[in-house]
């Protein structure tokens, strides 16, 4: 979790965390509208592609 994640979540009125493409895995607090944009705007798919490129596999968790 990023430093001050509770403060960021409270300021945005949310409890949704995402890893943006190119973030190196750092979680960011976002609100519901930003989440919809993240998932429908292609950022989620970009992040999944990054994970595939490094060999991440959710079956190994």
N, C-alpha and C. Protein backbone atom coordinates (compact mmCIF):
# COMPACT_ATOMS: atom_id res chain seq x y z
N UNK A 1 0.83 -1.17 0.00
CA UNK A 1 0.00 0.00 0.00
C UNK A 1 0.88 1.25 0.00
N UNK A 2 0.43 2.27 -0.69
CA UNK A 2 1.21 3.51 -0.68
C UNK A 2 1.14 4.18 0.70
N UNK A 3 2.13 5.02 0.98
CA UNK A 3 2.09 5.78 2.22
C UNK A 3 0.83 6.63 2.25
N UNK A 4 0.28 6.80 3.40
CA UNK A 4 -0.90 7.64 3.60
C UNK A 4 -2.10 7.17 2.78
N UNK A 5 -2.22 5.86 2.57
CA UNK A 5 -3.31 5.33 1.76
C UNK A 5 -4.67 5.61 2.39
N UNK A 6 -4.76 5.58 3.68
CA UNK A 6 -6.05 5.87 4.33
C UNK A 6 -6.47 7.31 4.06
N UNK A 7 -5.54 8.23 4.14
CA UNK A 7 -5.84 9.62 3.87
C UNK A 7 -6.29 9.80 2.42
N UNK A 8 -5.59 9.18 1.49
CA UNK A 8 -5.95 9.29 0.07
C UNK A 8 -7.34 8.72 -0.18
N UNK A 9 -7.65 7.59 0.45
CA UNK A 9 -8.96 6.97 0.28
C UNK A 9 -10.05 7.85 0.86
N UNK A 10 -9.81 8.42 2.02
CA UNK A 10 -10.81 9.28 2.65
C UNK A 10 -11.05 10.55 1.85
N UNK A 11 -9.99 11.13 1.31
CA UNK A 11 -10.13 12.35 0.52
C UNK A 11 -10.94 12.11 -0.75
N UNK A 12 -10.79 10.94 -1.35
CA UNK A 12 -11.51 10.62 -2.57
C UNK A 12 -12.85 9.97 -2.29
N UNK A 13 -13.10 9.63 -1.03
CA UNK A 13 -14.35 8.97 -0.67
C UNK A 13 -14.45 7.58 -1.27
N UNK A 14 -13.36 6.83 -1.15
CA UNK A 14 -13.34 5.52 -1.81
C UNK A 14 -12.50 4.52 -1.04
N UNK A 15 -12.58 3.31 -1.49
CA UNK A 15 -11.74 2.25 -0.96
C UNK A 15 -11.36 1.30 -2.10
N UNK A 16 -11.19 1.86 -3.29
CA UNK A 16 -10.79 1.07 -4.46
C UNK A 16 -9.32 1.40 -4.74
N UNK A 17 -8.52 0.34 -4.90
CA UNK A 17 -7.10 0.53 -5.19
C UNK A 17 -6.76 -0.19 -6.48
N UNK A 18 -5.98 0.48 -7.34
CA UNK A 18 -5.56 -0.12 -8.61
C UNK A 18 -4.06 0.10 -8.80
N UNK A 19 -3.48 -0.71 -9.66
CA UNK A 19 -2.10 -0.53 -10.12
C UNK A 19 -2.18 -0.03 -11.54
N UNK A 20 -1.74 1.17 -11.75
CA UNK A 20 -1.76 1.72 -13.11
C UNK A 20 -0.57 1.14 -13.90
N UNK A 21 -0.74 1.02 -15.22
CA UNK A 21 0.37 0.55 -16.05
C UNK A 21 1.60 1.44 -15.85
N UNK A 22 2.75 0.82 -15.74
CA UNK A 22 3.98 1.56 -15.57
C UNK A 22 4.25 2.03 -14.15
N UNK A 23 3.37 1.66 -13.21
CA UNK A 23 3.52 2.13 -11.83
C UNK A 23 4.47 1.27 -11.01
N UNK A 24 4.88 0.14 -11.57
CA UNK A 24 5.75 -0.75 -10.82
C UNK A 24 5.03 -1.48 -9.70
N UNK A 25 3.71 -1.49 -9.74
CA UNK A 25 2.94 -2.20 -8.74
C UNK A 25 2.43 -1.34 -7.61
N UNK A 26 2.72 -0.04 -7.63
CA UNK A 26 2.24 0.85 -6.58
C UNK A 26 0.73 1.00 -6.69
N UNK A 27 0.05 0.81 -5.58
CA UNK A 27 -1.40 0.94 -5.56
C UNK A 27 -1.80 2.40 -5.43
N UNK A 28 -2.89 2.76 -6.11
CA UNK A 28 -3.41 4.12 -6.07
C UNK A 28 -4.88 4.07 -5.68
N UNK A 29 -5.28 4.93 -4.75
CA UNK A 29 -6.68 5.02 -4.34
C UNK A 29 -7.45 5.80 -5.41
N UNK A 30 -8.58 5.25 -5.84
CA UNK A 30 -9.41 5.93 -6.83
C UNK A 30 -10.87 5.83 -6.42
N UNK A 31 -11.69 6.69 -7.01
CA UNK A 31 -13.13 6.64 -6.73
C UNK A 31 -13.83 5.78 -7.79
N UNK A 32 -15.13 5.64 -7.64
CA UNK A 32 -15.87 4.74 -8.52
C UNK A 32 -15.83 5.18 -9.98
N UNK A 33 -15.94 6.48 -10.23
CA UNK A 33 -15.87 6.96 -11.61
C UNK A 33 -14.51 6.67 -12.24
N UNK A 34 -13.45 6.87 -11.46
CA UNK A 34 -12.10 6.58 -11.95
C UNK A 34 -11.93 5.08 -12.20
N UNK A 35 -12.57 4.26 -11.36
CA UNK A 35 -12.49 2.81 -11.55
C UNK A 35 -13.14 2.39 -12.87
N UNK A 36 -14.29 2.96 -13.15
CA UNK A 36 -14.96 2.65 -14.41
C UNK A 36 -14.08 3.05 -15.59
N UNK A 37 -13.48 4.23 -15.50
CA UNK A 37 -12.57 4.67 -16.56
C UNK A 37 -11.36 3.75 -16.66
N UNK A 38 -10.82 3.31 -15.52
CA UNK A 38 -9.66 2.40 -15.49
C UNK A 38 -9.98 1.09 -16.18
N UNK A 39 -11.14 0.52 -15.88
CA UNK A 39 -11.48 -0.79 -16.45
C UNK A 39 -11.97 -0.69 -17.88
N UNK A 40 -12.77 0.31 -18.19
CA UNK A 40 -13.34 0.42 -19.53
C UNK A 40 -12.45 1.18 -20.50
N UNK A 41 -11.50 1.96 -19.98
CA UNK A 41 -10.63 2.77 -20.83
C UNK A 41 -9.37 2.08 -21.28
N UNK A 42 -9.16 0.84 -20.82
CA UNK A 42 -8.02 0.08 -21.30
C UNK A 42 -6.82 -0.02 -20.37
N UNK A 43 -6.80 0.78 -19.29
CA UNK A 43 -5.65 0.72 -18.38
C UNK A 43 -5.54 -0.65 -17.71
N UNK A 44 -6.67 -1.23 -17.34
CA UNK A 44 -6.65 -2.55 -16.71
C UNK A 44 -6.03 -3.58 -17.65
N UNK A 45 -6.44 -3.55 -18.91
CA UNK A 45 -5.89 -4.48 -19.89
C UNK A 45 -4.39 -4.25 -20.09
N UNK A 46 -3.95 -2.98 -20.08
CA UNK A 46 -2.53 -2.69 -20.19
C UNK A 46 -1.76 -3.27 -19.01
N UNK A 47 -2.33 -3.15 -17.81
CA UNK A 47 -1.67 -3.69 -16.62
C UNK A 47 -1.58 -5.21 -16.71
N UNK A 48 -2.64 -5.86 -17.17
CA UNK A 48 -2.61 -7.31 -17.33
C UNK A 48 -1.52 -7.72 -18.32
N UNK A 49 -1.38 -6.96 -19.39
CA UNK A 49 -0.35 -7.25 -20.38
C UNK A 49 1.04 -7.12 -19.76
N UNK A 50 1.25 -6.09 -18.94
CA UNK A 50 2.53 -5.96 -18.25
C UNK A 50 2.82 -7.18 -17.38
N UNK A 51 1.81 -7.64 -16.67
CA UNK A 51 1.98 -8.81 -15.80
C UNK A 51 2.31 -10.06 -16.61
N UNK A 52 1.67 -10.22 -17.74
CA UNK A 52 1.97 -11.37 -18.60
C UNK A 52 3.41 -11.32 -19.09
N UNK A 53 3.88 -10.11 -19.42
CA UNK A 53 5.24 -9.96 -19.94
C UNK A 53 6.30 -10.34 -18.91
N UNK A 54 6.01 -10.17 -17.63
CA UNK A 54 6.99 -10.54 -16.61
C UNK A 54 6.77 -11.97 -16.11
N UNK A 55 5.78 -12.64 -16.66
CA UNK A 55 5.57 -14.04 -16.31
C UNK A 55 4.70 -14.27 -15.09
N UNK A 56 3.96 -13.25 -14.66
CA UNK A 56 3.07 -13.39 -13.52
C UNK A 56 1.91 -14.30 -13.90
N UNK A 57 1.57 -15.18 -12.97
CA UNK A 57 0.48 -16.13 -13.22
C UNK A 57 -0.35 -16.23 -11.95
N UNK A 58 -1.63 -15.91 -12.03
CA UNK A 58 -2.47 -15.92 -10.82
C UNK A 58 -2.68 -17.32 -10.28
N UNK A 59 -2.33 -18.37 -11.01
CA UNK A 59 -2.43 -19.72 -10.49
C UNK A 59 -1.33 -20.02 -9.47
N UNK A 60 -0.29 -19.20 -9.44
CA UNK A 60 0.82 -19.44 -8.51
C UNK A 60 0.62 -18.76 -7.17
N UNK A 61 -0.46 -18.03 -7.02
CA UNK A 61 -0.71 -17.32 -5.74
C UNK A 61 -1.25 -18.28 -4.72
